[in-house]
N, C-alpha and C. Protein backbone atom coordinates (compact mmCIF):
# COMPACT_ATOMS: atom_id res chain seq x y z
N MET A 1 96.83 135.65 131.43
CA MET A 1 96.17 136.11 132.33
C MET A 1 95.09 135.16 133.22
N LYS A 2 95.53 135.19 134.43
CA LYS A 2 94.45 133.91 134.99
C LYS A 2 93.11 133.81 135.35
N ASP A 3 92.41 132.90 135.39
CA ASP A 3 91.05 132.63 135.91
C ASP A 3 91.15 131.73 136.99
N LYS A 4 89.81 131.58 137.56
CA LYS A 4 89.42 130.78 138.61
C LYS A 4 87.86 130.47 138.06
N ILE A 5 87.64 129.39 137.70
CA ILE A 5 86.14 129.00 137.83
C ILE A 5 85.30 127.97 138.87
N THR A 6 84.58 128.16 138.67
CA THR A 6 84.16 127.07 139.86
C THR A 6 82.47 126.61 138.57
N TYR A 7 82.71 125.51 139.01
CA TYR A 7 81.58 124.93 138.03
C TYR A 7 80.83 123.88 138.85
N ASN A 8 79.12 123.78 138.89
CA ASN A 8 78.59 122.81 139.90
C ASN A 8 77.84 121.94 139.06
N THR A 9 78.76 120.64 139.12
CA THR A 9 78.06 119.59 138.09
C THR A 9 76.72 119.35 137.94
N HIS A 10 76.51 118.16 136.94
CA HIS A 10 75.23 117.67 136.92
C HIS A 10 75.12 116.20 136.44
N GLY A 11 74.49 115.33 137.58
CA GLY A 11 74.39 113.92 137.03
C GLY A 11 75.84 113.03 137.88
N THR A 12 76.68 113.82 138.20
CA THR A 12 77.56 112.76 138.98
C THR A 12 78.18 112.66 140.08
N CYS A 13 78.43 112.10 140.83
CA CYS A 13 78.84 111.83 142.15
C CYS A 13 79.58 113.50 142.60
N SER A 14 80.44 113.93 141.76
CA SER A 14 81.48 115.05 141.99
C SER A 14 80.26 115.89 142.11
N ARG A 15 80.27 117.05 143.05
CA ARG A 15 79.04 118.00 143.18
C ARG A 15 79.99 119.72 142.71
N GLN A 16 81.19 119.84 142.42
CA GLN A 16 81.97 120.66 142.07
C GLN A 16 83.25 120.72 141.24
N ILE A 17 83.29 121.45 140.21
CA ILE A 17 84.87 121.11 139.77
C ILE A 17 85.53 122.94 139.95
N ILE A 18 86.20 122.96 140.17
CA ILE A 18 87.22 124.30 140.85
C ILE A 18 88.34 124.07 139.51
N ILE A 19 88.48 125.14 138.61
CA ILE A 19 89.46 124.89 137.77
C ILE A 19 90.25 126.43 137.53
N GLU A 20 91.66 126.28 137.35
CA GLU A 20 92.62 127.45 137.32
C GLU A 20 93.01 127.40 135.94
N ILE A 21 92.90 128.87 135.06
CA ILE A 21 93.41 128.53 133.77
C ILE A 21 94.06 129.76 133.53
N GLU A 22 95.38 129.70 132.55
CA GLU A 22 96.28 130.69 132.52
C GLU A 22 96.46 130.46 131.17
N ASP A 23 96.46 131.78 130.46
CA ASP A 23 96.63 131.44 128.88
C ASP A 23 96.19 130.49 128.07
N ASP A 24 95.00 130.10 128.13
CA ASP A 24 94.21 129.13 127.59
C ASP A 24 94.95 127.58 127.65
N THR A 25 95.59 127.24 129.01
CA THR A 25 96.19 126.27 129.41
C THR A 25 95.27 126.16 130.97
N VAL A 26 95.17 124.70 131.01
CA VAL A 26 94.33 124.27 132.48
C VAL A 26 95.83 124.22 133.66
N THR A 27 95.43 124.76 134.66
CA THR A 27 97.15 125.03 135.30
C THR A 27 96.78 124.25 136.70
N GLY A 28 95.16 124.23 136.93
CA GLY A 28 94.90 123.25 138.42
C GLY A 28 93.56 123.11 138.03
N ILE A 29 93.00 121.77 138.73
CA ILE A 29 91.99 121.18 138.59
C ILE A 29 91.25 120.52 140.49
N THR A 30 90.14 120.88 140.92
CA THR A 30 90.15 120.36 142.10
C THR A 30 88.47 119.71 141.94
N PHE A 31 88.29 118.76 142.36
CA PHE A 31 86.88 118.40 142.34
C PHE A 31 86.64 117.94 143.53
N VAL A 32 85.32 118.43 144.02
CA VAL A 32 84.61 118.34 145.25
C VAL A 32 83.44 117.07 145.19
N GLY A 33 83.92 116.13 146.05
CA GLY A 33 83.17 115.05 145.78
C GLY A 33 83.59 113.95 144.78
N GLY A 34 83.04 112.96 144.68
CA GLY A 34 83.33 112.15 143.52
C GLY A 34 84.27 111.05 143.92
N CYS A 35 84.76 109.96 143.04
CA CYS A 35 85.62 108.82 143.41
C CYS A 35 87.04 109.48 143.33
N SER A 36 87.37 109.51 144.62
CA SER A 36 88.76 110.44 144.73
C SER A 36 90.02 110.01 143.71
N GLY A 37 89.97 108.92 143.90
CA GLY A 37 91.39 108.23 142.91
C GLY A 37 91.02 108.55 141.54
N ASN A 38 89.93 108.27 140.78
CA ASN A 38 89.61 109.03 139.59
C ASN A 38 89.66 110.43 139.21
N THR A 39 89.46 110.96 140.33
CA THR A 39 88.99 112.43 139.85
C THR A 39 90.48 113.45 139.98
N GLN A 40 91.35 112.94 141.07
CA GLN A 40 92.46 113.44 140.70
C GLN A 40 93.45 112.87 140.00
N GLY A 41 93.28 111.49 139.32
CA GLY A 41 93.99 111.20 138.28
C GLY A 41 93.26 111.86 136.87
N VAL A 42 92.16 112.32 136.73
CA VAL A 42 91.64 113.34 135.25
C VAL A 42 92.34 114.25 136.21
N ALA A 43 92.32 115.03 137.28
CA ALA A 43 92.82 116.23 137.45
C ALA A 43 94.35 116.25 136.98
N ALA A 44 95.28 115.53 137.48
CA ALA A 44 96.68 115.45 137.04
C ALA A 44 97.04 115.37 135.78
N LEU A 45 96.15 114.21 134.77
CA LEU A 45 96.64 114.16 133.39
C LEU A 45 95.99 115.55 132.54
N ALA A 46 94.95 116.07 133.07
CA ALA A 46 94.50 117.51 132.60
C ALA A 46 95.17 118.79 132.29
N THR A 47 95.98 118.72 133.88
CA THR A 47 96.42 119.89 134.19
C THR A 47 97.79 120.11 133.16
N GLY A 48 98.05 121.17 133.06
CA GLY A 48 98.67 121.77 131.81
C GLY A 48 98.57 121.31 130.46
N MET A 49 97.45 120.75 129.93
CA MET A 49 97.07 120.96 128.57
C MET A 49 96.32 122.09 128.41
N LYS A 50 95.76 121.99 127.23
CA LYS A 50 95.21 123.42 126.45
C LYS A 50 93.58 122.84 126.46
N ILE A 51 92.89 123.92 126.84
CA ILE A 51 92.00 123.81 127.00
C ILE A 51 90.68 122.97 126.01
N ASN A 52 91.28 122.95 124.86
CA ASN A 52 90.73 122.64 123.84
C ASN A 52 91.28 121.05 123.49
N GLU A 53 91.90 120.70 123.75
CA GLU A 53 92.62 119.51 123.80
C GLU A 53 92.13 118.63 124.79
N VAL A 54 91.76 119.39 126.24
CA VAL A 54 90.81 118.36 127.55
C VAL A 54 89.51 118.37 126.98
N ILE A 55 88.79 119.48 126.41
CA ILE A 55 87.48 119.48 125.92
C ILE A 55 87.43 118.18 124.95
N GLU A 56 88.38 118.13 123.41
CA GLU A 56 88.42 116.93 123.13
C GLU A 56 88.56 115.59 123.11
N ARG A 57 89.26 115.32 124.60
CA ARG A 57 89.53 114.19 124.86
C ARG A 57 88.69 113.38 125.77
N LEU A 58 87.95 114.64 126.20
CA LEU A 58 86.90 114.19 127.95
C LEU A 58 85.85 114.05 127.45
N ARG A 59 85.10 114.94 126.32
CA ARG A 59 83.83 115.02 126.09
C ARG A 59 83.08 114.26 125.28
N GLY A 60 81.94 114.10 126.15
CA GLY A 60 81.46 112.61 125.88
C GLY A 60 81.26 111.11 126.57
N LEU A 61 82.32 111.17 127.32
CA LEU A 61 82.50 110.26 127.93
C LEU A 61 81.63 109.88 129.37
N LYS A 62 81.19 108.99 129.45
CA LYS A 62 79.98 108.29 130.17
C LYS A 62 80.61 107.23 131.32
N CYS A 63 80.01 107.49 132.63
CA CYS A 63 79.97 106.71 133.52
C CYS A 63 79.28 105.99 133.98
N GLY A 64 78.94 104.74 133.70
CA GLY A 64 78.36 103.43 133.99
C GLY A 64 77.41 103.61 132.90
N PHE A 65 76.39 103.54 133.58
CA PHE A 65 74.76 104.12 132.87
C PHE A 65 74.36 105.41 132.72
N LYS A 66 74.90 105.98 133.44
CA LYS A 66 74.81 107.53 133.45
C LYS A 66 75.18 108.39 132.05
N PRO A 67 74.24 109.82 131.55
CA PRO A 67 74.63 109.96 130.28
C PRO A 67 75.81 111.00 130.59
N THR A 68 76.50 111.35 131.69
CA THR A 68 77.70 111.58 132.08
C THR A 68 78.79 111.48 132.66
N SER A 69 79.84 111.91 133.33
CA SER A 69 80.63 111.65 133.76
C SER A 69 81.41 112.74 134.67
N CYS A 70 82.34 112.35 135.51
CA CYS A 70 83.32 113.72 135.83
C CYS A 70 84.20 114.43 134.86
N PRO A 71 84.75 113.35 133.70
CA PRO A 71 85.64 114.06 133.11
C PRO A 71 84.66 114.53 132.05
N ASP A 72 83.55 114.25 131.72
CA ASP A 72 82.75 114.91 130.51
C ASP A 72 82.16 116.16 131.37
N GLN A 73 81.80 116.20 132.46
CA GLN A 73 81.42 117.57 133.46
C GLN A 73 82.90 118.69 133.24
N LEU A 74 83.73 118.01 133.57
CA LEU A 74 85.18 118.84 133.50
C LEU A 74 84.98 119.93 131.92
N ALA A 75 84.87 118.87 130.60
CA ALA A 75 84.89 119.16 129.34
C ALA A 75 83.62 120.30 129.22
N GLN A 76 82.40 120.27 129.48
CA GLN A 76 81.84 121.12 129.74
C GLN A 76 81.58 122.34 130.37
N ALA A 77 82.71 122.22 131.96
CA ALA A 77 82.96 123.48 132.32
C ALA A 77 83.79 124.22 131.52
N LEU A 78 84.26 123.47 130.74
CA LEU A 78 85.35 124.19 130.06
C LEU A 78 84.65 124.86 128.86
N GLU A 79 83.99 124.07 127.90
CA GLU A 79 82.87 124.46 126.94
C GLU A 79 82.44 126.06 127.22
N GLN A 80 81.96 126.03 128.83
CA GLN A 80 80.85 127.04 129.09
C GLN A 80 82.24 128.15 129.10
N TYR A 81 83.21 127.91 129.84
CA TYR A 81 84.11 129.02 129.88
C TYR A 81 84.61 129.85 128.67
N VAL A 82 85.07 128.70 127.39
CA VAL A 82 85.27 129.33 126.44
C VAL A 82 84.11 130.21 125.52
N ALA A 83 83.08 129.84 125.87
CA ALA A 83 81.66 130.52 125.40
C ALA A 83 81.60 131.62 125.75
N GLN A 84 81.59 131.81 127.26
CA GLN A 84 81.86 133.16 128.01
C GLN A 84 82.74 134.11 127.62
N LYS A 85 84.01 133.58 127.25
CA LYS A 85 85.24 134.63 126.95
C LYS A 85 84.88 134.64 125.54
N SER A 86 84.20 134.34 124.61
CA SER A 86 84.05 134.79 123.62
C SER A 86 83.27 136.04 123.35
């Protein structure tokens, strides 16, 4: 089953993340705003990965002195998705 979620970020330069998921695998990621090269890189690396692996690798990463980062927000968006599916 294909799902598409939109997550409004908190505490980062990016404003929103649009994530496509199919069969527990991330199939597409688009960051709205943020550092273009970095967010494109994160999206390219995480696409094709299982949801839990993305969460495990990205959860808790910080950007400078901020308590979160765009990758961390992606992990939080996926955690919220998993919780809602349960």
